[in-house]
C-alpha atoms as a PDB file:
ATOM      1  CA  UNK A   1     -19.107 -11.943  -8.939  1.00  0.00           C
ATOM      2  CA  UNK A   2     -15.717 -13.563  -9.417  1.00  0.00           C
ATOM      3  CA  UNK A   3     -13.179 -13.005  -6.656  1.00  0.00           C
ATOM      4  CA  UNK A   4      -9.565 -14.056  -7.049  1.00  0.00           C
ATOM      5  CA  UNK A   5      -6.981 -13.646  -4.325  1.00  0.00           C
ATOM      6  CA  UNK A   6      -4.212 -11.199  -5.257  1.00  0.00           C
ATOM      7  CA  UNK A   7      -1.597 -13.800  -4.335  1.00  0.00           C
ATOM      8  CA  UNK A   8      -2.948 -16.123  -7.042  1.00  0.00           C
ATOM      9  CA  UNK A   9      -2.811 -13.369  -9.654  1.00  0.00           C
ATOM     10  CA  UNK A  10       0.728 -12.471  -8.648  1.00  0.00           C
ATOM     11  CA  UNK A  11       1.790 -16.120  -8.716  1.00  0.00           C
ATOM     12  CA  UNK A  12       0.333 -16.492 -12.204  1.00  0.00           C
ATOM     13  CA  UNK A  13       2.155 -13.340 -13.328  1.00  0.00           C
ATOM     14  CA  UNK A  14       5.460 -14.684 -11.983  1.00  0.00           C
ATOM     15  CA  UNK A  15       5.006 -18.039 -13.708  1.00  0.00           C
ATOM     16  CA  UNK A  16       4.185 -16.338 -17.006  1.00  0.00           C
ATOM     17  CA  UNK A  17       7.156 -13.978 -16.695  1.00  0.00           C
ATOM     18  CA  UNK A  18       9.507 -16.864 -15.964  1.00  0.00           C
ATOM     19  CA  UNK A  19       8.221 -19.025 -18.813  1.00  0.00           C
ATOM     20  CA  UNK A  20       7.485 -16.463 -21.512  1.00  0.00           C
ATOM     21  CA  UNK A  21       9.103 -13.204 -20.470  1.00  0.00           C
ATOM     22  CA  UNK A  22      12.657 -14.336 -19.895  1.00  0.00           C
ATOM     23  CA  UNK A  23      12.594 -13.727 -16.150  1.00  0.00           C
ATOM     24  CA  UNK A  24      14.901 -16.093 -14.325  1.00  0.00           C
ATOM     25  CA  UNK A  25      13.830 -18.099 -11.288  1.00  0.00           C
ATOM     26  CA  UNK A  26      16.438 -16.456  -9.090  1.00  0.00           C
ATOM     27  CA  UNK A  27      14.961 -13.036  -9.992  1.00  0.00           C
ATOM     28  CA  UNK A  28      11.557 -14.284  -8.904  1.00  0.00           C
ATOM     29  CA  UNK A  29      12.966 -15.787  -5.700  1.00  0.00           C
ATOM     30  CA  UNK A  30      14.814 -12.572  -4.839  1.00  0.00           C
ATOM     31  CA  UNK A  31      11.656 -10.534  -5.420  1.00  0.00           C
ATOM     32  CA  UNK A  32       9.602 -12.938  -3.284  1.00  0.00           C
ATOM     33  CA  UNK A  33      12.111 -12.663  -0.436  1.00  0.00           C
ATOM     34  CA  UNK A  34      12.042  -8.882  -0.722  1.00  0.00           C
ATOM     35  CA  UNK A  35       8.244  -8.948  -0.451  1.00  0.00           C
ATOM     36  CA  UNK A  36       8.406 -11.321   2.504  1.00  0.00           C
ATOM     37  CA  UNK A  37      10.749  -9.036   4.428  1.00  0.00           C
ATOM     38  CA  UNK A  38       8.882  -5.909   3.353  1.00  0.00           C
ATOM     39  CA  UNK A  39       5.707  -7.378   4.857  1.00  0.00           C
ATOM     40  CA  UNK A  40       7.297  -7.298   8.295  1.00  0.00           C
ATOM     41  CA  UNK A  41       8.186  -3.592   8.148  1.00  0.00           C
ATOM     42  CA  UNK A  42       6.163  -0.635   9.379  1.00  0.00           C
ATOM     43  CA  UNK A  43       5.171   0.310   5.817  1.00  0.00           C
ATOM     44  CA  UNK A  44       3.271  -2.967   5.263  1.00  0.00           C
ATOM     45  CA  UNK A  45      -0.151  -1.633   6.444  1.00  0.00           C
ATOM     46  CA  UNK A  46       0.138   1.317   4.037  1.00  0.00           C
ATOM     47  CA  UNK A  47       0.988  -1.000   1.149  1.00  0.00           C
ATOM     48  CA  UNK A  48      -1.907  -3.289   2.051  1.00  0.00           C
ATOM     49  CA  UNK A  49      -4.313  -0.356   2.181  1.00  0.00           C
ATOM     50  CA  UNK A  50      -3.081   0.969  -1.159  1.00  0.00           C
ATOM     51  CA  UNK A  51      -3.449  -2.448  -2.781  1.00  0.00           C
ATOM     52  CA  UNK A  52      -6.977  -2.774  -1.392  1.00  0.00           C
ATOM     53  CA  UNK A  53      -7.920   0.634  -2.809  1.00  0.00           C
ATOM     54  CA  UNK A  54      -6.391  -0.225  -6.179  1.00  0.00           C
ATOM     55  CA  UNK A  55      -8.211  -3.551  -6.439  1.00  0.00           C
ATOM     56  CA  UNK A  56     -11.459  -1.854  -5.366  1.00  0.00           C
ATOM     57  CA  UNK A  57     -11.019   0.735  -8.102  1.00  0.00           C
ATOM     58  CA  UNK A  58     -10.211  -1.898 -10.739  1.00  0.00           C
ATOM     59  CA  UNK A  59     -13.160  -3.979  -9.570  1.00  0.00           C
ATOM     60  CA  UNK A  60     -15.539  -1.038  -9.991  1.00  0.00           C
ATOM     61  CA  UNK A  61     -14.708  -0.570 -13.698  1.00  0.00           C
ATOM     62  CA  UNK A  62     -17.683  -1.493 -15.856  1.00  0.00           C
ATOM     63  CA  UNK A  63     -16.743  -3.187 -19.130  1.00  0.00           C
END
C-alpha cells in the first residue's frame, strides 16, 4: 500500500498551481501563513480529525 503524507500532496498542488494555474507565489505564501496560524487555534484538532476522516474515506475507494 502506498502512503503519501498530506503535506507532500499539498506542496505538489501548490507548485502545480503556481507553475500551470496562474497562482502567484505571494498567494501561496499568504495561504501558507494562514494555515500556519490556523494550526495554532482551537479549531486545529477538528480540522485534523476531518482531514483524517476524508483521507480514510478516499483511501477506502476501490478502483
